[in-house]
Amino acid sequence: MKVIVDTSIWSDVLRRRKRGVSPFAREVQELVDESRVVIAGPIRQELLSGIESEHQFAALREILRAFPDEVLVTADFERAASCYNECRQRGIQGSNTDFLICATALRNEFEIFTADRDFDHFAKVLPLQFYDRRFRE
């Protein structure tokens, strides 16, 4: 099964560390080796936004270009709006990007790999599937 890797995981994976590789990075590498990683344009945009150095921007852009964007269709945007409405009716807030990730995952039957706890709340309403929950506990 394909796995849409959320910004929260990418951010951890792409950080430079003095103490070796993070558990998230090991998991993402395994998913890459298995050709299971999926990225969506809004995740790419979040990752590239706010980078002050043109050199760092270009380097990150090149790393991310190894992963083609999942094609988003009109139904994804409509489903994202529906997800937003369903969650909001139950007092659960989220960003448009997060709900677009949910909608894309639902349409394609992707698992979501995230460290963002907001997705736990969305899953109370939406039939989301997560990649390896041990990382979320």
N, C-alpha and C. Protein backbone atom coordinates (compact mmCIF):
# COMPACT_ATOMS: atom_id res chain seq x y z
N MET A 1 0.85 -1.18 0.00
CA MET A 1 0.00 0.00 0.00
C MET A 1 0.89 1.25 0.00
N LYS A 2 0.50 2.24 -0.78
CA LYS A 2 1.22 3.51 -0.84
C LYS A 2 0.98 4.29 0.45
N VAL A 3 1.94 5.15 0.76
CA VAL A 3 1.88 5.93 2.00
C VAL A 3 2.14 7.39 1.67
N ILE A 4 1.19 8.24 2.03
CA ILE A 4 1.39 9.67 1.86
C ILE A 4 2.12 10.18 3.11
N VAL A 5 3.31 10.70 2.89
CA VAL A 5 4.16 11.16 3.99
C VAL A 5 3.87 12.64 4.22
N ASP A 6 3.41 12.93 5.43
CA ASP A 6 2.99 14.28 5.80
C ASP A 6 4.19 15.18 6.08
N THR A 7 3.94 16.46 6.06
CA THR A 7 4.96 17.48 6.31
C THR A 7 5.69 17.24 7.63
N SER A 8 4.97 16.82 8.66
CA SER A 8 5.58 16.63 9.98
C SER A 8 6.68 15.58 9.93
N ILE A 9 6.49 14.55 9.14
CA ILE A 9 7.51 13.50 9.01
C ILE A 9 8.66 13.99 8.15
N TRP A 10 8.34 14.60 7.00
CA TRP A 10 9.39 15.13 6.13
C TRP A 10 10.28 16.11 6.89
N SER A 11 9.68 16.97 7.69
CA SER A 11 10.45 17.96 8.44
C SER A 11 11.46 17.29 9.35
N ASP A 12 11.03 16.23 10.00
CA ASP A 12 11.94 15.48 10.87
C ASP A 12 13.04 14.80 10.05
N VAL A 13 12.66 14.18 8.97
CA VAL A 13 13.61 13.44 8.13
C VAL A 13 14.68 14.36 7.55
N LEU A 14 14.28 15.55 7.16
CA LEU A 14 15.19 16.46 6.47
C LEU A 14 16.07 17.29 7.40
N ARG A 15 15.81 17.25 8.71
CA ARG A 15 16.64 17.98 9.67
C ARG A 15 18.01 17.36 9.75
N ARG A 16 19.02 18.20 9.86
CA ARG A 16 20.38 17.70 10.08
C ARG A 16 20.54 17.41 11.56
N ARG A 17 21.11 16.24 11.84
CA ARG A 17 21.27 15.82 13.23
C ARG A 17 22.73 15.53 13.54
N LYS A 18 23.07 15.81 14.77
CA LYS A 18 24.41 15.46 15.24
C LYS A 18 24.42 14.03 15.77
N ARG A 19 23.28 13.52 16.13
CA ARG A 19 23.20 12.21 16.79
C ARG A 19 22.60 11.13 15.90
N GLY A 20 22.92 11.10 14.65
CA GLY A 20 22.47 10.01 13.81
C GLY A 20 21.11 10.21 13.17
N VAL A 21 20.56 9.12 12.70
CA VAL A 21 19.33 9.13 11.92
C VAL A 21 18.13 8.90 12.84
N SER A 22 17.07 9.67 12.60
CA SER A 22 15.85 9.52 13.42
C SER A 22 15.09 8.25 13.01
N PRO A 23 14.26 7.74 13.91
CA PRO A 23 13.43 6.59 13.55
C PRO A 23 12.51 6.89 12.36
N PHE A 24 12.03 8.13 12.26
CA PHE A 24 11.20 8.49 11.12
C PHE A 24 11.99 8.37 9.82
N ALA A 25 13.24 8.82 9.86
CA ALA A 25 14.08 8.77 8.65
C ALA A 25 14.31 7.33 8.22
N ARG A 26 14.51 6.44 9.17
CA ARG A 26 14.70 5.02 8.83
C ARG A 26 13.44 4.46 8.16
N GLU A 27 12.29 4.82 8.70
CA GLU A 27 11.03 4.33 8.12
C GLU A 27 10.80 4.89 6.72
N VAL A 28 11.06 6.18 6.54
CA VAL A 28 10.88 6.79 5.22
C VAL A 28 11.83 6.14 4.23
N GLN A 29 13.07 5.88 4.64
CA GLN A 29 14.01 5.22 3.74
C GLN A 29 13.50 3.84 3.32
N GLU A 30 12.92 3.12 4.27
CA GLU A 30 12.35 1.82 3.94
C GLU A 30 11.20 1.96 2.94
N LEU A 31 10.35 2.96 3.17
CA LEU A 31 9.24 3.21 2.24
C LEU A 31 9.76 3.60 0.86
N VAL A 32 10.81 4.41 0.81
CA VAL A 32 11.42 4.80 -0.47
C VAL A 32 11.95 3.56 -1.17
N ASP A 33 12.66 2.71 -0.43
CA ASP A 33 13.22 1.49 -1.01
C ASP A 33 12.13 0.59 -1.58
N GLU A 34 10.95 0.63 -0.98
CA GLU A 34 9.81 -0.18 -1.43
C GLU A 34 8.95 0.56 -2.46
N SER A 35 9.35 1.77 -2.85
CA SER A 35 8.59 2.60 -3.80
C SER A 35 7.17 2.85 -3.33
N ARG A 36 7.00 3.12 -2.05
CA ARG A 36 5.67 3.33 -1.48
C ARG A 36 5.39 4.77 -1.11
N VAL A 37 6.37 5.66 -1.21
CA VAL A 37 6.20 7.05 -0.78
C VAL A 37 5.38 7.85 -1.79
N VAL A 38 4.43 8.60 -1.27
CA VAL A 38 3.61 9.50 -2.06
C VAL A 38 3.73 10.89 -1.46
N ILE A 39 3.81 11.90 -2.31
CA ILE A 39 3.80 13.28 -1.85
C ILE A 39 2.74 14.03 -2.65
N ALA A 40 2.15 15.01 -2.04
CA ALA A 40 1.16 15.85 -2.72
C ALA A 40 1.71 17.26 -2.81
N GLY A 41 1.30 17.98 -3.83
CA GLY A 41 1.76 19.35 -4.05
C GLY A 41 1.69 20.24 -2.82
N PRO A 42 0.59 20.22 -2.06
CA PRO A 42 0.53 21.09 -0.88
C PRO A 42 1.59 20.74 0.18
N ILE A 43 1.97 19.48 0.28
CA ILE A 43 3.03 19.09 1.22
C ILE A 43 4.36 19.64 0.71
N ARG A 44 4.60 19.49 -0.58
CA ARG A 44 5.82 20.04 -1.18
C ARG A 44 5.89 21.55 -0.92
N GLN A 45 4.78 22.23 -1.11
CA GLN A 45 4.74 23.68 -0.90
C GLN A 45 5.05 24.04 0.55
N GLU A 46 4.45 23.30 1.50
CA GLU A 46 4.73 23.57 2.91
C GLU A 46 6.22 23.39 3.23
N LEU A 47 6.81 22.34 2.69
CA LEU A 47 8.22 22.07 2.96
C LEU A 47 9.14 23.13 2.39
N LEU A 48 8.79 23.66 1.23
CA LEU A 48 9.65 24.64 0.57
C LEU A 48 9.39 26.08 1.03
N SER A 49 8.28 26.29 1.70
CA SER A 49 7.93 27.65 2.15
C SER A 49 8.76 28.05 3.35
N GLY A 50 9.18 29.32 3.35
CA GLY A 50 9.89 29.87 4.49
C GLY A 50 11.38 29.64 4.50
N ILE A 51 11.90 29.03 3.47
CA ILE A 51 13.35 28.82 3.41
C ILE A 51 14.00 30.10 2.90
N GLU A 52 14.86 30.67 3.72
CA GLU A 52 15.43 31.97 3.40
C GLU A 52 16.57 31.91 2.39
N SER A 53 17.37 30.87 2.44
CA SER A 53 18.53 30.75 1.55
C SER A 53 18.11 30.12 0.22
N GLU A 54 18.46 30.78 -0.88
CA GLU A 54 18.16 30.23 -2.21
C GLU A 54 18.88 28.90 -2.41
N HIS A 55 20.09 28.80 -1.87
CA HIS A 55 20.86 27.55 -1.98
C HIS A 55 20.13 26.40 -1.28
N GLN A 56 19.65 26.63 -0.05
CA GLN A 56 18.93 25.61 0.68
C GLN A 56 17.61 25.26 -0.02
N PHE A 57 16.94 26.28 -0.53
CA PHE A 57 15.69 26.07 -1.27
C PHE A 57 15.94 25.15 -2.46
N ALA A 58 16.97 25.47 -3.25
CA ALA A 58 17.28 24.68 -4.45
C ALA A 58 17.66 23.25 -4.08
N ALA A 59 18.43 23.09 -3.01
CA ALA A 59 18.85 21.75 -2.59
C ALA A 59 17.64 20.91 -2.16
N LEU A 60 16.75 21.51 -1.37
CA LEU A 60 15.56 20.78 -0.92
C LEU A 60 14.64 20.49 -2.09
N ARG A 61 14.49 21.45 -2.98
CA ARG A 61 13.65 21.24 -4.16
C ARG A 61 14.15 20.02 -4.95
N GLU A 62 15.45 19.90 -5.10
CA GLU A 62 16.03 18.76 -5.84
C GLU A 62 15.77 17.44 -5.12
N ILE A 63 15.90 17.43 -3.81
CA ILE A 63 15.61 16.21 -3.04
C ILE A 63 14.16 15.79 -3.26
N LEU A 64 13.25 16.75 -3.15
CA LEU A 64 11.82 16.44 -3.26
C LEU A 64 11.41 16.08 -4.67
N ARG A 65 12.15 16.52 -5.67
CA ARG A 65 11.81 16.18 -7.06
C ARG A 65 11.94 14.69 -7.35
N ALA A 66 12.59 13.97 -6.47
CA ALA A 66 12.67 12.51 -6.63
C ALA A 66 11.30 11.86 -6.44
N PHE A 67 10.37 12.62 -5.87
CA PHE A 67 9.03 12.09 -5.57
C PHE A 67 7.99 12.86 -6.37
N PRO A 68 7.43 12.25 -7.41
CA PRO A 68 6.42 12.97 -8.19
C PRO A 68 5.16 13.20 -7.35
N ASP A 69 4.50 14.30 -7.65
CA ASP A 69 3.27 14.63 -6.94
C ASP A 69 2.15 13.66 -7.32
N GLU A 70 1.39 13.28 -6.32
CA GLU A 70 0.14 12.56 -6.58
C GLU A 70 -0.78 13.56 -7.28
N VAL A 71 -1.38 13.14 -8.35
CA VAL A 71 -2.26 14.04 -9.09
C VAL A 71 -3.53 14.27 -8.27
N LEU A 72 -3.82 15.54 -8.05
CA LEU A 72 -5.05 15.90 -7.34
C LEU A 72 -6.12 16.22 -8.37
N VAL A 73 -7.31 15.76 -8.10
CA VAL A 73 -8.43 15.96 -9.02
C VAL A 73 -9.52 16.75 -8.31
N THR A 74 -10.46 17.22 -9.07
CA THR A 74 -11.55 18.01 -8.51
C THR A 74 -12.21 17.30 -7.33
N ALA A 75 -12.40 16.01 -7.45
CA ALA A 75 -13.04 15.25 -6.37
C ALA A 75 -12.25 15.34 -5.06
N ASP A 76 -10.93 15.48 -5.13
CA ASP A 76 -10.12 15.60 -3.92
C ASP A 76 -10.45 16.90 -3.19
N PHE A 77 -10.58 17.98 -3.93
CA PHE A 77 -10.89 19.27 -3.32
C PHE A 77 -12.30 19.28 -2.75
N GLU A 78 -13.22 18.65 -3.46
CA GLU A 78 -14.59 18.56 -2.97
C GLU A 78 -14.65 17.69 -1.71
N ARG A 79 -13.94 16.57 -1.73
CA ARG A 79 -13.91 15.69 -0.55
C ARG A 79 -13.24 16.38 0.62
N ALA A 80 -12.18 17.14 0.35
CA ALA A 80 -11.50 17.88 1.42
C ALA A 80 -12.47 18.85 2.10
N ALA A 81 -13.26 19.54 1.31
CA ALA A 81 -14.25 20.46 1.87
C ALA A 81 -15.29 19.69 2.69
N SER A 82 -15.70 18.54 2.19
CA SER A 82 -16.65 17.71 2.92
C SER A 82 -16.05 17.21 4.24
N CYS A 83 -14.77 16.79 4.21
CA CYS A 83 -14.08 16.36 5.42
C CYS A 83 -14.02 17.50 6.44
N TYR A 84 -13.68 18.68 5.94
CA TYR A 84 -13.63 19.86 6.80
C TYR A 84 -14.98 20.07 7.47
N ASN A 85 -16.06 20.03 6.66
CA ASN A 85 -17.40 20.26 7.19
C ASN A 85 -17.81 19.20 8.21
N GLU A 86 -17.53 17.93 7.90
CA GLU A 86 -17.87 16.84 8.82
C GLU A 86 -17.15 17.00 10.16
N CYS A 87 -15.88 17.32 10.08
CA CYS A 87 -15.10 17.47 11.31
C CYS A 87 -15.54 18.71 12.09
N ARG A 88 -15.74 19.79 11.38
CA ARG A 88 -16.14 21.04 12.06
C ARG A 88 -17.47 20.88 12.79
N GLN A 89 -18.40 20.13 12.18
CA GLN A 89 -19.69 19.89 12.83
C GLN A 89 -19.53 19.16 14.16
N ARG A 90 -18.41 18.47 14.31
CA ARG A 90 -18.13 17.74 15.55
C ARG A 90 -17.09 18.46 16.41
N GLY A 91 -16.84 19.74 16.08
CA GLY A 91 -15.94 20.55 16.87
C GLY A 91 -14.46 20.31 16.63
N ILE A 92 -14.14 19.67 15.50
CA ILE A 92 -12.74 19.36 15.18
C ILE A 92 -12.26 20.30 14.09
N GLN A 93 -11.19 21.02 14.39
CA GLN A 93 -10.63 21.99 13.44
C GLN A 93 -9.40 21.41 12.75
N GLY A 94 -9.13 21.89 11.55
CA GLY A 94 -7.94 21.48 10.83
C GLY A 94 -7.68 22.44 9.68
N SER A 95 -6.52 22.30 9.08
CA SER A 95 -6.16 23.17 7.96
C SER A 95 -6.67 22.60 6.65
N ASN A 96 -6.79 23.47 5.67
CA ASN A 96 -7.20 23.02 4.33
C ASN A 96 -6.23 21.98 3.79
N THR A 97 -4.94 22.19 4.03
CA THR A 97 -3.94 21.23 3.55
C THR A 97 -4.15 19.87 4.20
N ASP A 98 -4.38 19.85 5.51
CA ASP A 98 -4.59 18.58 6.19
C ASP A 98 -5.81 17.84 5.64
N PHE A 99 -6.87 18.57 5.38
CA PHE A 99 -8.06 17.91 4.85
C PHE A 99 -7.87 17.48 3.40
N LEU A 100 -7.03 18.17 2.65
CA LEU A 100 -6.71 17.73 1.30
C LEU A 100 -5.89 16.44 1.35
N ILE A 101 -5.00 16.33 2.32
CA ILE A 101 -4.25 15.09 2.52
C ILE A 101 -5.22 13.96 2.85
N CYS A 102 -6.16 14.22 3.75
CA CYS A 102 -7.17 13.21 4.11
C CYS A 102 -7.96 12.76 2.88
N ALA A 103 -8.43 13.72 2.11
CA ALA A 103 -9.25 13.40 0.94
C ALA A 103 -8.46 12.58 -0.08
N THR A 104 -7.22 12.97 -0.31
CA THR A 104 -6.37 12.25 -1.27
C THR A 104 -6.10 10.84 -0.78
N ALA A 105 -5.82 10.70 0.50
CA ALA A 105 -5.58 9.38 1.07
C ALA A 105 -6.83 8.50 0.97
N LEU A 106 -7.98 9.08 1.26
CA LEU A 106 -9.22 8.31 1.20
C LEU A 106 -9.53 7.84 -0.22
N ARG A 107 -9.39 8.73 -1.19
CA ARG A 107 -9.69 8.36 -2.58
C ARG A 107 -8.78 7.26 -3.09
N ASN A 108 -7.52 7.34 -2.72
CA ASN A 108 -6.52 6.41 -3.25
C ASN A 108 -6.23 5.22 -2.34
N GLU A 109 -6.89 5.19 -1.17
CA GLU A 109 -6.65 4.15 -0.17
C GLU A 109 -5.18 4.12 0.25
N PHE A 110 -4.62 5.32 0.47
CA PHE A 110 -3.26 5.46 0.98
C PHE A 110 -3.31 5.47 2.50
N GLU A 111 -2.23 5.00 3.10
CA GLU A 111 -2.03 5.22 4.52
C GLU A 111 -1.38 6.59 4.68
N ILE A 112 -1.55 7.19 5.84
CA ILE A 112 -0.93 8.49 6.13
C ILE A 112 0.14 8.27 7.19
N PHE A 113 1.35 8.74 6.91
CA PHE A 113 2.45 8.69 7.88
C PHE A 113 2.63 10.11 8.39
N THR A 114 2.25 10.33 9.63
CA THR A 114 2.28 11.67 10.20
C THR A 114 2.60 11.60 11.69
N ALA A 115 3.18 12.68 12.18
CA ALA A 115 3.39 12.85 13.61
C ALA A 115 2.45 13.93 14.14
N ASP A 116 1.61 14.45 13.27
CA ASP A 116 0.68 15.52 13.60
C ASP A 116 -0.55 14.93 14.29
N ARG A 117 -0.72 15.27 15.55
CA ARG A 117 -1.83 14.73 16.35
C ARG A 117 -3.21 15.16 15.84
N ASP A 118 -3.28 16.20 15.04
CA ASP A 118 -4.58 16.61 14.50
C ASP A 118 -5.23 15.47 13.73
N PHE A 119 -4.43 14.64 13.09
CA PHE A 119 -4.98 13.53 12.32
C PHE A 119 -5.67 12.51 13.20
N ASP A 120 -5.24 12.39 14.46
CA ASP A 120 -5.94 11.51 15.40
C ASP A 120 -7.38 11.99 15.60
N HIS A 121 -7.55 13.30 15.66
CA HIS A 121 -8.90 13.87 15.81
C HIS A 121 -9.72 13.66 14.55
N PHE A 122 -9.10 13.86 13.39
CA PHE A 122 -9.82 13.66 12.13
C PHE A 122 -10.30 12.21 12.02
N ALA A 123 -9.48 11.28 12.49
CA ALA A 123 -9.81 9.85 12.38
C ALA A 123 -11.01 9.46 13.24
N LYS A 124 -11.41 10.31 14.15
CA LYS A 124 -12.63 10.05 14.92
C LYS A 124 -13.87 10.19 14.03
N VAL A 125 -13.70 10.90 12.92
CA VAL A 125 -14.81 11.18 12.01
C VAL A 125 -14.60 10.52 10.65
N LEU A 126 -13.37 10.50 10.20
CA LEU A 126 -13.04 10.02 8.86
C LEU A 126 -12.37 8.65 8.92
N PRO A 127 -12.64 7.79 7.94
CA PRO A 127 -12.07 6.43 7.96
C PRO A 127 -10.62 6.40 7.44
N LEU A 128 -9.74 7.11 8.13
CA LEU A 128 -8.34 7.20 7.72
C LEU A 128 -7.58 5.95 8.13
N GLN A 129 -6.56 5.63 7.34
CA GLN A 129 -5.64 4.55 7.67
C GLN A 129 -4.26 5.18 7.89
N PHE A 130 -3.60 4.76 8.96
CA PHE A 130 -2.30 5.32 9.28
C PHE A 130 -1.20 4.30 9.08
N TYR A 131 -0.03 4.82 8.70
CA TYR A 131 1.15 3.98 8.61
C TYR A 131 1.76 3.86 9.98
N ASP A 132 1.98 2.68 10.43
CA ASP A 132 2.71 2.34 11.65
C ASP A 132 2.43 3.25 12.84
N ARG A 133 1.39 2.95 13.52
CA ARG A 133 0.95 3.76 14.64
C ARG A 133 1.95 3.83 15.80
N ARG A 134 2.91 2.93 15.86
CA ARG A 134 3.85 2.97 17.00
C ARG A 134 4.59 4.31 17.04
N PHE A 135 4.68 4.98 15.91
CA PHE A 135 5.35 6.26 15.88
C PHE A 135 4.47 7.39 16.39
N ARG A 136 3.21 7.11 16.58
CA ARG A 136 2.27 8.15 16.97
C ARG A 136 1.90 8.03 18.45
N GLU A 137 2.45 7.10 19.15
CA GLU A 137 2.05 6.89 20.54
C GLU A 137 3.11 7.37 21.50
